[in-house]
Amino acid sequence: MSKFKKIDTLSIIRGTGIVPVFYNKDIELTKKVVKACYDGGIRAFEFTNRGDGAHKVFEALISFVRAECPEMALGAGTILDAPTAALYIQMGADFIVSPCLVEEVVPLCNRRGVPYSPGCGTVSEIVRAQELGCDLVKVFPAGTVGGPAFVKNILAPLPWAMIMCTGAVEPTQENLSAWAKSGVTAVGMGSKLFPKEVIAEGNWPAVSELCRKSLEWFGRQGQ
């Protein structure tokens, strides 16, 4: 069961603005990555379902997050069918994310009061997701479909839309400022927030500091 009510999870995502996207089969390493992000001010984190037994890592991770990162909403990403969404929701996922619109996942999440953010790349897909009841729509791959300009153009006819962009998001002032100015609700950021050499060295303060800087550049106040 998710820790937060749907409206509260959406508020957390909007408030933090930056949602790290991460997967690793090493449970202990993943815990350290999440804690480093939390220490840097991040309050929403997407663990991606991308490896064999990923759900086992998530099960251990969510227990850790509940104890050590109490203000964090932990979601599950790369969800491609309703049974997998149900599995993660049963383990406590606070939100569900897909790289595409999977319509069978929508009623499941709505029934359980869990935000579902499907990946969309066109205006028609975004509107369809909204019709189904998706409050926060994920634009993916955001860089390929047009970047910040795409979001700005979408919000002209759909000013009520809440959009989270993933893909082509970088932890730099220029990049994050451009996304923020587009009117995007939040951005998802993967490997560039976790440089391989930094993770290999276990330099968690460096990850925390990059998160803090990214929040400042995006215009959100780090904790």
Protein backbone atom coordinates (compact mmCIF):
# COMPACT_ATOMS: atom_id res chain seq x y z
CA MET A 1 0.00 0.00 0.00
CA SER A 2 1.36 3.42 -0.93
CA LYS A 3 2.33 5.73 1.91
CA PHE A 4 0.89 8.90 0.44
CA LYS A 5 -2.53 9.86 -0.89
CA LYS A 6 -2.62 10.46 -4.64
CA ILE A 7 -2.91 14.23 -4.33
CA ASP A 8 -0.02 14.29 -1.87
CA THR A 9 2.23 12.25 -4.15
CA LEU A 10 1.51 14.61 -7.04
CA SER A 11 2.31 17.55 -4.77
CA ILE A 12 5.61 15.95 -3.77
CA ILE A 13 6.61 15.42 -7.41
CA ARG A 14 5.64 18.97 -8.30
CA GLY A 15 7.44 20.34 -5.26
CA THR A 16 10.72 18.50 -5.80
CA GLY A 17 10.64 19.01 -9.58
CA ILE A 18 13.44 16.55 -10.28
CA VAL A 19 12.76 12.81 -10.20
CA PRO A 20 15.86 10.62 -10.39
CA VAL A 21 15.43 7.48 -12.51
CA PHE A 22 17.63 4.56 -11.46
CA TYR A 23 18.05 0.80 -11.52
CA ASN A 24 20.73 -1.49 -10.15
CA LYS A 25 20.48 -5.10 -9.04
CA ASP A 26 22.69 -4.36 -6.02
CA ILE A 27 20.28 -3.61 -3.19
CA GLU A 28 22.81 -1.95 -0.90
CA LEU A 29 24.18 0.27 -3.65
CA THR A 30 20.66 1.31 -4.61
CA LYS A 31 19.88 2.25 -1.01
CA LYS A 32 22.95 4.47 -0.92
CA VAL A 33 22.01 6.16 -4.19
CA VAL A 34 18.49 6.91 -2.94
CA LYS A 35 19.75 8.21 0.41
CA ALA A 36 22.29 10.46 -1.34
CA CYS A 37 19.50 11.93 -3.46
CA TYR A 38 17.34 12.41 -0.37
CA ASP A 39 20.18 14.15 1.44
CA GLY A 40 20.48 16.44 -1.59
CA GLY A 41 16.85 17.53 -1.32
CA ILE A 42 15.13 15.09 -3.69
CA ARG A 43 11.72 13.94 -2.53
CA ALA A 44 10.53 11.71 -5.39
CA PHE A 45 12.46 8.80 -6.89
CA GLU A 46 11.67 6.37 -9.71
CA PHE A 47 13.12 2.87 -9.45
CA THR A 48 12.92 1.25 -12.88
CA ASN A 49 11.74 -2.31 -13.42
CA ARG A 50 14.54 -3.20 -15.83
CA GLY A 51 16.24 -6.34 -14.58
CA ASP A 52 15.42 -9.91 -13.57
CA GLY A 53 14.20 -9.86 -9.99
CA ALA A 54 13.92 -6.07 -9.95
CA HIS A 55 10.82 -6.34 -7.77
CA LYS A 56 12.91 -8.00 -5.05
CA VAL A 57 15.24 -5.00 -5.00
CA PHE A 58 12.24 -2.69 -4.82
CA GLU A 59 10.72 -4.61 -1.93
CA ALA A 60 13.88 -4.14 0.12
CA LEU A 61 14.29 -0.56 -1.07
CA ILE A 62 10.85 0.60 -0.07
CA SER A 63 11.30 -0.69 3.47
CA PHE A 64 14.55 1.28 3.64
CA VAL A 65 12.96 4.43 2.24
CA ARG A 66 10.06 4.32 4.66
CA ALA A 67 12.52 4.14 7.56
CA GLU A 68 15.36 6.41 6.38
CA CYS A 69 13.74 8.78 3.87
CA PRO A 70 10.26 9.39 5.34
CA GLU A 71 9.37 12.34 3.10
CA MET A 72 10.23 10.55 -0.15
CA ALA A 73 7.67 9.21 -2.61
CA LEU A 74 9.12 6.08 -4.21
CA GLY A 75 7.70 5.03 -7.56
CA ALA A 76 8.17 2.17 -9.99
CA GLY A 77 9.03 2.82 -13.63
CA THR A 78 9.21 0.89 -16.90
CA ILE A 79 5.86 -0.74 -16.09
CA LEU A 80 4.37 -2.27 -19.24
CA ASP A 81 1.34 -4.23 -18.04
CA ALA A 82 -1.30 -4.25 -15.32
CA PRO A 83 -0.06 -7.36 -13.46
CA THR A 84 3.38 -5.78 -12.98
CA ALA A 85 1.79 -2.51 -11.87
CA ALA A 86 -0.32 -4.44 -9.36
CA LEU A 87 2.78 -6.17 -8.01
CA TYR A 88 4.58 -2.90 -7.35
CA ILE A 89 1.48 -1.23 -5.92
CA GLN A 90 1.05 -4.16 -3.54
CA MET A 91 4.64 -3.62 -2.39
CA GLY A 92 3.89 0.03 -1.69
CA ALA A 93 4.81 2.00 -4.83
CA ASP A 94 3.68 5.61 -4.48
CA PHE A 95 3.42 6.15 -8.24
CA ILE A 96 3.71 4.16 -11.46
CA VAL A 97 5.50 5.26 -14.65
CA SER A 98 5.60 3.76 -18.15
CA PRO A 99 7.57 4.65 -21.30
CA CYS A 100 4.27 4.50 -23.22
CA LEU A 101 0.54 4.68 -22.56
CA VAL A 102 -0.67 1.30 -21.28
CA GLU A 103 -4.41 1.73 -20.97
CA GLU A 104 -4.96 -1.39 -18.87
CA VAL A 105 -2.79 0.13 -16.13
CA VAL A 106 -4.95 3.25 -15.76
CA PRO A 107 -8.06 1.78 -14.08
CA LEU A 108 -5.87 -0.28 -11.77
CA CYS A 109 -3.99 2.79 -10.55
CA ASN A 110 -7.16 4.88 -10.35
CA ARG A 111 -8.84 2.19 -8.28
CA ARG A 112 -5.97 2.18 -5.81
CA GLY A 113 -5.48 5.95 -5.75
CA VAL A 114 -1.95 5.76 -7.19
CA PRO A 115 -0.75 8.32 -9.78
CA TYR A 116 0.08 6.81 -13.17
CA SER A 117 2.35 8.71 -15.54
CA PRO A 118 2.34 7.16 -19.02
CA GLY A 119 4.89 8.05 -21.67
CA CYS A 120 3.45 10.17 -24.49
CA GLY A 121 5.04 11.72 -27.56
CA THR A 122 2.14 13.49 -29.27
CA VAL A 123 -0.69 15.84 -28.40
CA SER A 124 -3.20 13.07 -29.15
CA GLU A 125 -1.50 10.68 -26.72
CA ILE A 126 -1.39 13.33 -24.00
CA VAL A 127 -5.08 14.15 -24.41
CA ARG A 128 -6.00 10.45 -24.46
CA ALA A 129 -4.07 9.90 -21.22
CA GLN A 130 -5.88 12.84 -19.66
CA GLU A 131 -9.24 11.46 -20.80
CA LEU A 132 -8.45 8.20 -19.04
CA GLY A 133 -7.64 10.03 -15.80
CA CYS A 134 -3.85 10.45 -15.82
CA ASP A 135 -3.07 13.67 -13.95
CA LEU A 136 0.69 13.79 -14.62
CA VAL A 137 1.71 12.80 -18.13
CA LYS A 138 5.26 11.81 -18.96
CA VAL A 139 6.67 13.13 -22.23
CA PHE A 140 9.18 10.58 -23.52
CA PRO A 141 11.64 10.65 -25.12
CA ALA A 142 11.48 14.35 -24.40
CA GLY A 143 14.58 15.36 -26.32
CA THR A 144 13.56 13.48 -29.44
CA VAL A 145 10.03 14.90 -29.62
CA GLY A 146 11.21 18.49 -29.37
CA GLY A 147 12.65 19.30 -25.96
CA PRO A 148 11.53 22.34 -23.93
CA ALA A 149 9.95 23.93 -27.01
CA PHE A 150 7.61 20.95 -27.32
CA VAL A 151 6.38 21.42 -23.76
CA LYS A 152 5.88 25.15 -24.23
CA ASN A 153 3.88 24.55 -27.41
CA ILE A 154 1.76 21.86 -25.75
CA LEU A 155 0.89 24.08 -22.81
CA ALA A 156 -0.42 26.81 -25.10
CA PRO A 157 -3.61 24.88 -26.02
CA LEU A 158 -3.48 22.64 -22.90
CA PRO A 159 -2.52 25.01 -20.07
CA TRP A 160 -3.99 22.65 -17.46
CA ALA A 161 -1.62 19.82 -18.42
CA MET A 162 0.88 18.54 -15.88
CA ILE A 163 3.92 17.24 -17.74
CA MET A 164 6.99 15.38 -16.56
CA CYS A 165 9.77 15.14 -19.15
CA THR A 166 12.33 12.35 -19.26
CA GLY A 167 15.11 12.01 -21.82
CA ALA A 168 17.70 14.67 -22.75
CA VAL A 169 17.57 16.14 -19.25
CA GLU A 170 21.02 17.04 -17.92
CA PRO A 171 22.25 18.31 -14.53
CA THR A 172 23.46 21.64 -15.86
CA GLN A 173 22.20 25.16 -15.27
CA GLU A 174 21.55 25.80 -18.95
CA ASN A 175 19.59 22.60 -19.50
CA LEU A 176 17.50 22.67 -16.33
CA SER A 177 16.73 26.37 -16.67
CA ALA A 178 15.43 25.74 -20.18
CA TRP A 179 13.15 22.96 -18.97
CA ALA A 180 11.90 25.08 -16.08
CA LYS A 181 11.08 28.00 -18.39
CA SER A 182 9.07 25.67 -20.63
CA GLY A 183 6.48 25.26 -17.88
CA VAL A 184 7.14 21.59 -17.24
CA THR A 185 5.87 20.26 -13.89
CA ALA A 186 8.87 18.01 -13.32
CA VAL A 187 11.74 16.30 -15.10
CA GLY A 188 13.09 12.78 -14.79
CA MET A 189 16.86 12.36 -14.88
CA GLY A 190 18.81 9.12 -15.18
CA SER A 191 22.45 8.22 -15.67
CA LYS A 192 23.76 11.80 -16.00
CA LEU A 193 22.79 12.41 -12.39
CA PHE A 194 24.84 9.37 -11.42
CA PRO A 195 28.23 9.47 -13.21
CA LYS A 196 29.73 5.97 -13.36
CA GLU A 197 32.99 7.03 -11.78
CA VAL A 198 31.18 8.68 -8.87
CA ILE A 199 29.08 5.59 -8.21
CA ALA A 200 32.12 3.32 -8.54
CA GLU A 201 33.98 5.41 -5.96
CA GLY A 202 30.98 5.50 -3.65
CA ASN A 203 31.22 9.27 -3.53
CA TRP A 204 27.71 9.83 -2.15
CA PRO A 205 28.32 13.43 -1.02
CA ALA A 206 29.05 14.27 -4.68
CA VAL A 207 25.68 12.83 -5.71
CA SER A 208 23.95 14.82 -2.96
CA GLU A 209 25.68 18.02 -4.06
CA LEU A 210 24.74 17.49 -7.71
CA CYS A 211 21.14 17.00 -6.63
CA ARG A 212 21.25 20.22 -4.61
CA LYS A 213 22.68 22.18 -7.52
CA SER A 214 20.16 20.68 -9.94
CA LEU A 215 17.27 21.71 -7.70
CA GLU A 216 18.62 25.25 -7.59
CA TRP A 217 19.07 25.37 -11.36
CA PHE A 218 15.56 24.04 -11.87
CA GLY A 219 14.23 26.68 -9.51
CA ARG A 220 13.23 24.40 -6.65
CA GLN A 221 14.56 24.79 -3.14
CA GLY A 222 16.63 21.86 -1.89
CA GLN A 223 16.14 20.59 1.64
